[in-house]
Amino acid sequence: MTPVQDIAPTITASHAALTRDFPLKPFAIRHKLAGHPLLTLSRIAQLASELPRDLIEYNSGKVAISQDPNAIPSVDLDPVEVVKRIETAGAWMVLKRIENSPPYRRLLEDTLLSVAKARGFNSCLDAGFEQIEGFLFVSSPNSTTPFHLDSEDNFFVQIHGEKFFTVYDNADRAIASDDQIEHSMTKHRNLVFDPQFADRGTEFHMHGGDGCYIPYQWPHWVRTANDYSISLAITWKTKDVRRVNDLHFCNSMLRGVGFPQQAPGKNPVFDAMKLAVFRTGTTAIKPLRASLAMRKLLRRLALGKDANYYMKDA
């Protein structure tokens, strides 16, 4: 097997995309991660056996674009078997926060460093790539990832198989309102998809070696073709993104106890006050998150009784 350090995990894009579009608009990229030894099914199955159970989510891939999160069909397999049988399991899976594994952390950081250097920076930190995280997706043929949005910026790279990735402008509040965005950020990521907006999307058609950049909070949905798929989301959060994310969670909690809130940015002075209190509280409970049982309890308290829906088999 080729040693991990011998493979240059680079991402490339046009000069115009990296200077004009980044980080405000999506664009196509190319990469050299297809075939990487950390991104094979056998190695992913090993990772699935090592990660904490609350960092693994999977269900049937036979879902709707506009999928009710309370009606997602499940798959009666353990995580490792889902990966091993992905060609026939009819499943969709994501392994979250793979940077918890040191080899995968190096892979993520080295890949983003290639982008930082292409933009004229000497390090990921200089380029604004903070809180680097990775999400590894394994999907059966003809699977769908429902319409949703994410709480970070993302270089999405296709490793194996064929995938269609359709993204929509996050400034279009007809597609996703402020209330929907808050719910997606704090309760469940799925959004309601109105078919009349279908032609407003930009589709990226990807095979191994292809990818795309997806800006913060741009709604999207994804489908695979007739082969199983392996994909990797290489994500980061800037200081501004972390601030908006924290405000969404603070607003959601206040709304839950009967205090309606304006969207982040509508009242900057009140935002600053809420943020200070919220971050003091979250810092105090951070040590408790070392325990899986405590993480489940905290999610339930903050996000509601169904917050641990993806651990129903545990």
Protein backbone atom coordinates (compact mmCIF):
# COMPACT_ATOMS: atom_id res chain seq x y z
CA MET A 1 0.00 0.00 0.00
CA THR A 2 1.28 3.47 -0.81
CA PRO A 3 2.23 5.42 2.33
CA VAL A 4 -0.15 8.28 3.08
CA GLN A 5 2.59 10.89 3.06
CA ASP A 6 3.63 9.97 -0.49
CA ILE A 7 0.38 11.23 -2.01
CA ALA A 8 -0.02 14.99 -2.54
CA PRO A 9 -3.65 15.74 -1.53
CA THR A 10 -4.04 18.86 -3.65
CA ILE A 11 -7.09 20.83 -4.74
CA THR A 12 -6.95 23.01 -7.83
CA ALA A 13 -9.33 25.56 -9.32
CA SER A 14 -9.14 28.37 -11.83
CA HIS A 15 -7.36 31.54 -10.79
CA ALA A 16 -10.60 33.47 -11.31
CA ALA A 17 -12.50 31.15 -8.98
CA LEU A 18 -9.92 31.41 -6.19
CA THR A 19 -9.59 35.19 -6.47
CA ARG A 20 -13.00 36.41 -7.63
CA ASP A 21 -15.55 33.84 -6.43
CA PHE A 22 -14.02 32.46 -3.22
CA PRO A 23 -15.56 32.47 -0.62
CA LEU A 24 -18.84 33.98 -1.86
CA LYS A 25 -19.86 31.78 -4.80
CA PRO A 26 -19.69 28.05 -5.61
CA PHE A 27 -17.31 26.80 -8.30
CA ALA A 28 -15.90 23.55 -9.69
CA ILE A 29 -12.59 22.13 -8.48
CA ARG A 30 -10.25 19.24 -9.29
CA HIS A 31 -8.28 17.20 -6.77
CA LYS A 32 -5.81 14.33 -6.36
CA LEU A 33 -7.55 12.42 -3.57
CA ALA A 34 -9.25 9.72 -5.67
CA GLY A 35 -7.63 6.41 -4.79
CA HIS A 36 -6.07 7.70 -1.58
CA PRO A 37 -5.48 4.78 0.85
CA LEU A 38 -7.45 6.51 3.62
CA LEU A 39 -10.47 6.80 1.34
CA THR A 40 -11.04 3.18 0.33
CA LEU A 41 -14.03 1.17 1.56
CA SER A 42 -11.86 -1.12 3.69
CA ARG A 43 -10.18 1.79 5.45
CA ILE A 44 -13.49 3.63 5.89
CA ALA A 45 -14.95 0.49 7.50
CA GLN A 46 -12.04 0.55 9.95
CA LEU A 47 -12.71 4.22 10.71
CA ALA A 48 -16.39 3.40 11.30
CA SER A 49 -15.32 0.86 13.93
CA GLU A 50 -13.17 3.46 15.70
CA LEU A 51 -15.33 6.61 15.77
CA PRO A 52 -17.72 7.33 18.67
CA ARG A 53 -21.21 6.19 17.72
CA ASP A 54 -22.69 9.70 17.79
CA LEU A 55 -20.30 10.70 14.99
CA ILE A 56 -21.84 8.18 12.58
CA GLU A 57 -25.20 8.77 10.91
CA TYR A 58 -26.87 6.56 8.32
CA ASN A 59 -30.26 5.71 6.88
CA SER A 60 -31.87 4.49 3.67
CA GLY A 61 -30.75 6.29 0.54
CA LYS A 62 -34.29 6.03 -0.85
CA VAL A 63 -35.54 9.38 0.39
CA ALA A 64 -37.20 12.42 -1.14
CA ILE A 65 -35.47 15.67 -2.05
CA SER A 66 -37.88 17.39 0.35
CA GLN A 67 -37.65 14.77 3.08
CA ASP A 68 -39.57 14.94 6.36
CA PRO A 69 -36.85 14.24 8.98
CA ASN A 70 -39.41 12.41 11.12
CA ALA A 71 -40.08 9.87 8.37
CA ILE A 72 -36.60 8.87 7.20
CA PRO A 73 -36.43 5.10 6.58
CA SER A 74 -33.69 3.30 8.48
CA VAL A 75 -31.22 0.55 7.56
CA ASP A 76 -31.00 -2.51 9.81
CA LEU A 77 -27.21 -2.90 9.77
CA ASP A 78 -24.40 -1.80 12.07
CA PRO A 79 -22.10 0.97 10.77
CA VAL A 80 -19.25 -1.27 9.68
CA GLU A 81 -21.59 -3.56 7.74
CA VAL A 82 -23.17 -0.56 6.01
CA VAL A 83 -19.74 0.36 4.61
CA LYS A 84 -18.82 -3.20 3.66
CA ARG A 85 -22.15 -3.77 1.91
CA ILE A 86 -22.65 -0.29 0.50
CA GLU A 87 -23.00 -1.54 -3.10
CA THR A 88 -26.23 -3.35 -2.19
CA ALA A 89 -27.30 -1.89 1.20
CA GLY A 90 -29.47 0.89 -0.25
CA ALA A 91 -27.93 3.21 2.32
CA TRP A 92 -26.56 6.70 2.84
CA MET A 93 -23.93 7.27 5.55
CA VAL A 94 -21.81 10.10 6.90
CA LEU A 95 -18.85 9.70 9.24
CA LYS A 96 -18.53 13.02 11.05
CA ARG A 97 -15.55 14.86 12.51
CA ILE A 98 -13.03 12.45 11.03
CA GLU A 99 -10.26 14.84 12.09
CA ASN A 100 -10.50 13.05 15.44
CA SER A 101 -8.36 10.38 13.75
CA PRO A 102 -4.80 11.76 13.34
CA PRO A 103 -4.18 10.37 9.81
CA TYR A 104 -7.39 11.94 8.56
CA ARG A 105 -6.59 15.23 10.28
CA ARG A 106 -3.29 15.38 8.42
CA LEU A 107 -5.09 14.62 5.17
CA LEU A 108 -7.58 17.46 5.69
CA GLU A 109 -4.94 19.97 6.71
CA ASP A 110 -2.57 19.08 3.86
CA THR A 111 -5.38 19.40 1.35
CA LEU A 112 -6.46 22.82 2.59
CA LEU A 113 -2.82 23.91 2.70
CA SER A 114 -2.67 23.36 -1.07
CA VAL A 115 -5.53 25.85 -1.46
CA ALA A 116 -3.94 28.30 0.96
CA LYS A 117 -0.69 28.28 -1.00
CA ALA A 118 -2.55 28.69 -4.32
CA ARG A 119 -4.10 31.83 -2.85
CA GLY A 120 -0.71 33.19 -1.72
CA PHE A 121 -0.73 32.18 1.96
CA ASN A 122 1.87 30.15 3.85
CA SER A 123 -0.49 28.35 6.22
CA CYS A 124 -4.09 27.31 6.69
CA LEU A 125 -4.46 29.76 9.56
CA ASP A 126 -3.19 32.66 7.46
CA ALA A 127 -5.78 31.75 4.80
CA GLY A 128 -8.62 31.78 7.35
CA PHE A 129 -9.07 27.99 7.50
CA GLU A 130 -9.95 27.56 11.18
CA GLN A 131 -11.75 24.75 13.02
CA ILE A 132 -10.99 22.31 10.20
CA GLU A 133 -13.34 19.31 10.16
CA GLY A 134 -14.02 16.43 7.80
CA PHE A 135 -17.19 14.55 6.86
CA LEU A 136 -16.86 11.32 4.89
CA PHE A 137 -19.88 10.15 2.87
CA VAL A 138 -20.57 6.63 1.61
CA SER A 139 -23.71 6.10 -0.47
CA SER A 140 -25.30 3.22 -2.32
CA PRO A 141 -26.23 3.52 -6.01
CA ASN A 142 -29.21 5.77 -6.79
CA SER A 143 -29.29 7.40 -3.36
CA THR A 144 -30.46 10.90 -2.49
CA THR A 145 -29.25 13.38 0.09
CA PRO A 146 -32.27 15.64 0.83
CA PHE A 147 -32.32 19.41 0.42
CA HIS A 148 -30.43 21.01 3.32
CA LEU A 149 -27.75 23.52 4.25
CA ASP A 150 -24.56 23.31 6.30
CA SER A 151 -22.97 25.41 9.02
CA GLU A 152 -19.51 25.71 7.46
CA ASP A 153 -17.64 26.40 4.22
CA ASN A 154 -16.86 23.26 2.27
CA PHE A 155 -14.60 21.85 -0.41
CA PHE A 156 -16.60 18.81 -1.48
CA VAL A 157 -14.51 16.19 -3.31
CA GLN A 158 -15.79 13.13 -5.15
CA ILE A 159 -13.59 10.06 -4.59
CA HIS A 160 -15.49 7.22 -6.27
CA GLY A 161 -18.65 6.94 -8.33
CA GLU A 162 -20.83 9.48 -10.08
CA LYS A 163 -22.64 12.26 -8.21
CA PHE A 164 -24.92 15.18 -9.07
CA PHE A 165 -24.65 18.09 -6.62
CA THR A 166 -27.20 20.91 -7.01
CA VAL A 167 -26.70 24.13 -5.03
CA TYR A 168 -28.88 27.24 -4.58
CA ASP A 169 -28.10 30.86 -3.72
CA ASN A 170 -28.37 31.45 0.03
CA ALA A 171 -29.37 35.09 -0.54
CA ASP A 172 -32.69 33.97 -2.07
CA ARG A 173 -35.02 33.95 0.93
CA ALA A 174 -37.83 32.63 -1.25
CA ILE A 175 -35.90 29.33 -1.31
CA ALA A 176 -34.94 29.30 2.38
CA SER A 177 -36.40 31.86 4.80
CA ASP A 178 -34.64 33.11 7.95
CA ASP A 179 -36.84 30.83 10.08
CA GLN A 180 -36.05 27.81 7.92
CA ILE A 181 -32.34 28.55 8.10
CA GLU A 182 -32.41 28.74 11.89
CA HIS A 183 -34.34 25.47 12.10
CA SER A 184 -31.92 23.79 9.71
CA MET A 185 -28.94 25.02 11.72
CA THR A 186 -30.26 24.05 15.14
CA LYS A 187 -32.86 21.27 14.87
CA HIS A 188 -32.51 19.23 11.69
CA ARG A 189 -30.60 20.19 8.57
CA ASN A 190 -33.35 19.24 6.07
CA LEU A 191 -35.18 22.07 4.30
CA VAL A 192 -38.51 22.02 2.46
CA PHE A 193 -37.85 21.98 -1.29
CA ASP A 194 -40.34 23.67 -3.61
CA PRO A 195 -40.10 22.15 -7.13
CA GLN A 196 -40.91 25.53 -8.69
CA PHE A 197 -37.42 26.69 -7.65
CA ALA A 198 -35.66 23.73 -9.29
CA ASP A 199 -34.31 25.70 -12.25
CA ARG A 200 -32.62 28.25 -9.94
CA GLY A 201 -29.98 25.72 -8.93
CA THR A 202 -26.45 25.17 -10.23
CA GLU A 203 -25.61 21.50 -10.83
CA PHE A 204 -22.12 20.03 -10.52
CA HIS A 205 -21.77 16.66 -12.27
CA MET A 206 -18.87 14.84 -10.60
CA HIS A 207 -16.77 11.71 -10.95
CA GLY A 208 -13.68 10.69 -8.99
CA GLY A 209 -11.24 13.61 -9.11
CA ASP A 210 -13.98 16.25 -9.43
CA GLY A 211 -15.44 18.45 -6.72
CA CYS A 212 -16.94 21.81 -5.90
CA TYR A 213 -16.67 24.61 -3.40
CA ILE A 214 -19.89 25.23 -1.43
CA PRO A 215 -20.10 28.49 0.53
CA TYR A 216 -21.54 28.75 4.02
CA GLN A 217 -25.30 28.13 4.26
CA TRP A 218 -25.90 27.60 0.52
CA PRO A 219 -28.81 25.10 0.29
CA HIS A 220 -28.19 21.99 -1.78
CA TRP A 221 -29.27 18.43 -2.51
CA VAL A 222 -27.29 15.51 -3.91
CA ARG A 223 -27.91 12.25 -5.76
CA THR A 224 -25.72 9.35 -6.83
CA ALA A 225 -25.91 7.41 -10.10
CA ASN A 226 -25.60 3.68 -10.78
CA ASP A 227 -22.46 2.99 -8.73
CA TYR A 228 -21.68 3.37 -5.04
CA SER A 229 -20.20 6.71 -4.04
CA ILE A 230 -17.44 7.88 -1.72
CA SER A 231 -17.19 11.63 -1.11
CA LEU A 232 -15.39 13.86 1.37
CA ALA A 233 -16.41 17.28 2.67
CA ILE A 234 -13.37 19.25 3.83
CA THR A 235 -14.79 22.04 5.96
CA TRP A 236 -13.72 24.97 8.10
CA LYS A 237 -15.29 27.75 10.14
CA THR A 238 -14.05 31.32 10.19
CA LYS A 239 -14.55 33.59 13.20
CA ASP A 240 -17.53 35.23 11.45
CA VAL A 241 -19.13 31.86 10.70
CA ARG A 242 -18.71 30.69 14.31
CA ARG A 243 -20.31 33.92 15.48
CA VAL A 244 -23.39 33.49 13.25
CA ASN A 245 -23.69 29.80 14.21
CA ASP A 246 -23.62 30.65 17.92
CA LEU A 247 -26.28 33.31 17.41
CA HIS A 248 -28.52 30.82 15.62
CA PHE A 249 -28.27 28.42 18.56
CA CYS A 250 -28.81 31.20 21.09
CA ASN A 251 -31.86 32.46 19.19
CA SER A 252 -33.28 28.96 18.94
CA MET A 253 -32.94 28.38 22.67
CA LEU A 254 -34.54 31.74 23.51
CA ARG A 255 -37.33 31.09 21.02
CA GLY A 256 -37.90 27.71 22.67
CA VAL A 257 -38.71 29.37 26.00
CA GLY A 258 -41.06 31.93 24.45
CA PHE A 259 -38.81 34.82 23.40
CA PRO A 260 -38.94 35.41 19.61
CA GLN A 261 -35.67 36.64 18.11
CA GLN A 262 -34.54 38.52 15.03
CA ALA A 263 -32.15 36.81 12.61
CA PRO A 264 -28.41 37.35 13.21
CA GLY A 265 -27.30 40.77 12.00
CA LYS A 266 -30.66 42.49 12.37
CA ASN A 267 -29.81 43.92 15.83
CA PRO A 268 -25.99 43.99 16.23
CA VAL A 269 -26.00 45.43 19.78
CA PHE A 270 -28.38 42.77 21.11
CA ASP A 271 -26.47 40.13 19.13
CA ALA A 272 -23.27 41.04 21.00
CA MET A 273 -25.00 40.80 24.39
CA LYS A 274 -26.56 37.42 23.59
CA LEU A 275 -23.31 36.09 22.21
CA ALA A 276 -21.35 36.96 25.36
CA VAL A 277 -23.82 35.16 27.62
CA PHE A 278 -24.18 32.17 25.30
CA ARG A 279 -20.43 31.63 24.96
CA THR A 280 -19.89 31.89 28.71
CA GLY A 281 -22.42 29.13 29.20
CA THR A 282 -21.10 26.85 26.46
CA THR A 283 -17.52 27.24 27.75
CA ALA A 284 -18.66 26.11 31.19
CA ILE A 285 -20.24 22.89 29.89
CA LYS A 286 -17.54 22.04 27.33
CA PRO A 287 -15.67 19.61 29.66
CA LEU A 288 -18.87 17.57 30.01
CA ARG A 289 -18.84 16.75 26.28
CA ALA A 290 -16.06 14.21 26.74
CA SER A 291 -18.71 11.65 27.70
CA LEU A 292 -20.93 10.11 24.99
CA ALA A 293 -23.84 9.84 27.44
CA MET A 294 -23.47 13.49 28.41
CA ARG A 295 -23.26 14.59 24.77
CA LYS A 296 -26.55 12.81 24.12
CA LEU A 297 -28.15 14.51 27.12
CA LEU A 298 -26.87 17.97 26.15
CA ARG A 299 -28.12 17.55 22.58
CA ARG A 300 -31.53 16.53 23.91
CA LEU A 301 -31.69 19.54 26.24
CA ALA A 302 -30.54 22.02 23.57
CA LEU A 303 -32.17 20.62 20.44
CA GLY A 304 -35.21 18.70 21.66
CA LYS A 305 -36.26 15.14 22.37
CA ASP A 306 -35.44 13.90 18.85
CA ALA A 307 -31.91 15.32 18.75
CA ASN A 308 -30.32 11.86 18.88
CA TYR A 309 -32.49 10.40 16.12
CA TYR A 310 -29.48 8.97 14.27
CA MET A 311 -28.56 6.80 17.27
CA LYS A 312 -31.84 4.86 17.45
CA ASP A 313 -29.99 1.59 16.99
CA ALA A 314 -27.51 2.31 19.78
